[in-house]
Amino acid sequence: MAEEVKKEGTGGFAADKKILATILKVVLGLVFLVLGAMAILTWWGSLLVIIKGSIGLFLILAGVITLAIAKE
């Protein structure tokens, strides 16, 4: 009987602290998602310039990887 009481009371402060940490992480994640979406909408033109500028580098990297695979 005494063991059952001890098992039920193991939550306490540690469980509350874990729940609070989880809630904080979720809220922080949502804040980062909103800030990221706002940044994309605000700097859409600049983002397109970066994407267009990186297409050539991506194609060069894909060509190097393809040649490395074909060499084997």
C-alpha atoms as a PDB file:
ATOM      1  CA  MET A   1       0.000   0.000   0.000  1.00  0.00           C
ATOM      2  CA  ALA A   2       2.800   2.412   0.866  1.00  0.00           C
ATOM      3  CA  GLU A   3       4.571   1.562  -2.399  1.00  0.00           C
ATOM      4  CA  GLU A   4       1.465   2.475  -4.407  1.00  0.00           C
ATOM      5  CA  VAL A   5       1.357   5.917  -2.774  1.00  0.00           C
ATOM      6  CA  LYS A   6       5.027   6.489  -3.582  1.00  0.00           C
ATOM      7  CA  LYS A   7       4.545   5.508  -7.247  1.00  0.00           C
ATOM      8  CA  GLU A   8       1.621   7.899  -7.656  1.00  0.00           C
ATOM      9  CA  GLY A   9       3.538  10.816  -6.143  1.00  0.00           C
ATOM     10  CA  THR A  10       6.616  10.578  -8.406  1.00  0.00           C
ATOM     11  CA  GLY A  11       5.351  13.287 -10.819  1.00  0.00           C
ATOM     12  CA  GLY A  12       5.571  16.459  -8.792  1.00  0.00           C
ATOM     13  CA  PHE A  13       7.966  19.248  -9.654  1.00  0.00           C
ATOM     14  CA  ALA A  14      10.021  17.279 -12.184  1.00  0.00           C
ATOM     15  CA  ALA A  15       6.959  16.469 -14.293  1.00  0.00           C
ATOM     16  CA  ASP A  16       5.757  20.082 -14.154  1.00  0.00           C
ATOM     17  CA  LYS A  17       9.194  21.288 -15.207  1.00  0.00           C
ATOM     18  CA  LYS A  18       9.236  18.853 -18.152  1.00  0.00           C
ATOM     19  CA  ILE A  19       5.785  19.976 -19.305  1.00  0.00           C
ATOM     20  CA  LEU A  20       6.791  23.640 -19.019  1.00  0.00           C
ATOM     21  CA  ALA A  21       9.955  22.985 -21.050  1.00  0.00           C
ATOM     22  CA  THR A  22       7.924  21.241 -23.759  1.00  0.00           C
ATOM     23  CA  ILE A  23       5.430  24.104 -23.937  1.00  0.00           C
ATOM     24  CA  LEU A  24       8.292  26.604 -24.158  1.00  0.00           C
ATOM     25  CA  LYS A  25       9.863  24.666 -27.041  1.00  0.00           C
ATOM     26  CA  VAL A  26       6.556  24.514 -28.924  1.00  0.00           C
ATOM     27  CA  VAL A  27       5.942  28.250 -28.470  1.00  0.00           C
ATOM     28  CA  LEU A  28       9.510  29.053 -29.539  1.00  0.00           C
ATOM     29  CA  GLY A  29       9.121  26.829 -32.614  1.00  0.00           C
ATOM     30  CA  LEU A  30       5.897  28.591 -33.598  1.00  0.00           C
ATOM     31  CA  VAL A  31       7.562  31.997 -33.162  1.00  0.00           C
ATOM     32  CA  PHE A  32      10.432  30.926 -35.439  1.00  0.00           C
ATOM     33  CA  LEU A  33       7.943  29.649 -38.054  1.00  0.00           C
ATOM     34  CA  VAL A  34       6.074  32.969 -38.058  1.00  0.00           C
ATOM     35  CA  LEU A  35       9.299  34.992 -38.255  1.00  0.00           C
ATOM     36  CA  GLY A  36      10.558  32.811 -41.109  1.00  0.00           C
ATOM     37  CA  ALA A  37       7.324  33.207 -43.056  1.00  0.00           C
ATOM     38  CA  MET A  38       7.411  36.975 -42.528  1.00  0.00           C
ATOM     39  CA  ALA A  39      11.025  37.111 -43.732  1.00  0.00           C
ATOM     40  CA  ILE A  40      10.183  35.175 -46.889  1.00  0.00           C
ATOM     41  CA  LEU A  41       7.225  37.428 -47.655  1.00  0.00           C
ATOM     42  CA  THR A  42       9.190  40.602 -46.902  1.00  0.00           C
ATOM     43  CA  TRP A  43      12.285  39.745 -48.944  1.00  0.00           C
ATOM     44  CA  TRP A  44      10.660  37.700 -51.723  1.00  0.00           C
ATOM     45  CA  GLY A  45      12.520  39.527 -54.496  1.00  0.00           C
ATOM     46  CA  SER A  46      15.888  39.033 -52.843  1.00  0.00           C
ATOM     47  CA  LEU A  47      15.108  35.367 -52.248  1.00  0.00           C
ATOM     48  CA  LEU A  48      14.409  34.880 -55.951  1.00  0.00           C
ATOM     49  CA  VAL A  49      17.738  36.539 -56.811  1.00  0.00           C
ATOM     50  CA  ILE A  50      19.562  34.142 -54.459  1.00  0.00           C
ATOM     51  CA  ILE A  51      17.764  31.129 -55.938  1.00  0.00           C
ATOM     52  CA  LYS A  52      18.508  32.229 -59.505  1.00  0.00           C
ATOM     53  CA  GLY A  53      22.139  32.869 -58.597  1.00  0.00           C
ATOM     54  CA  SER A  54      22.572  29.462 -57.035  1.00  0.00           C
ATOM     55  CA  ILE A  55      21.163  27.479 -59.980  1.00  0.00           C
ATOM     56  CA  GLY A  56      24.503  27.583 -61.805  1.00  0.00           C
ATOM     57  CA  LEU A  57      26.432  26.433 -58.736  1.00  0.00           C
ATOM     58  CA  PHE A  58      23.948  23.615 -58.217  1.00  0.00           C
ATOM     59  CA  LEU A  59      24.323  22.451 -61.816  1.00  0.00           C
ATOM     60  CA  ILE A  60      28.129  22.507 -61.512  1.00  0.00           C
ATOM     61  CA  LEU A  61      27.938  20.430 -58.336  1.00  0.00           C
ATOM     62  CA  ALA A  62      25.539  17.967 -59.990  1.00  0.00           C
ATOM     63  CA  GLY A  63      27.933  17.649 -62.957  1.00  0.00           C
ATOM     64  CA  VAL A  64      30.934  16.994 -60.706  1.00  0.00           C
ATOM     65  CA  ILE A  65      29.022  14.337 -58.760  1.00  0.00           C
ATOM     66  CA  THR A  66      27.818  12.732 -62.007  1.00  0.00           C
ATOM     67  CA  LEU A  67      31.379  12.615 -63.367  1.00  0.00           C
ATOM     68  CA  ALA A  68      32.657  11.144 -60.105  1.00  0.00           C
ATOM     69  CA  ILE A  69      30.029   8.391 -60.272  1.00  0.00           C
ATOM     70  CA  ALA A  70      30.700   7.724 -63.970  1.00  0.00           C
ATOM     71  CA  LYS A  71      34.444   7.421 -63.285  1.00  0.00           C
ATOM     72  CA  GLU A  72      33.881   4.346 -61.124  1.00  0.00           C
END
